[in-house]
Amino acid sequence: MHEVKPSPEPVSLAEVLDQVVELLRRYVVFEHDDDAVLVALYIALTYCFDRFKHVPLLVITSAVKRSGKSTLLELVGHLSQRAYRDKRRGDCV
């Protein structure tokens, strides 16, 4: 698990999200362009989820083997706050 250090300078959330979307698209081919944006927003949510009473789960599925699910889970795990892997399922939660 990694610890994120706050920037001493103000940071634009839009710029950070754009960079995350660009990184995700570099390693994963999404069926819809907006899917990368959705995943980036979910990653951002992991940094403030304790402020909400309910939060959605990110479910990654595909009917096709070798479609990039594991790669996407690995990226989400590295970019998310306090991510952990569910050892029963092998998923990053």
Foldseek 3Di string as FASTA:
>chain_A
DDDDDDDPDDDDPVVVLVVQLVVCVVQADDPDSCVSSVLSVVQVCLVPVVVDPDDDDDDDDDPDPPRCSVVSQVSSQVSHDPWDADVVVRGID
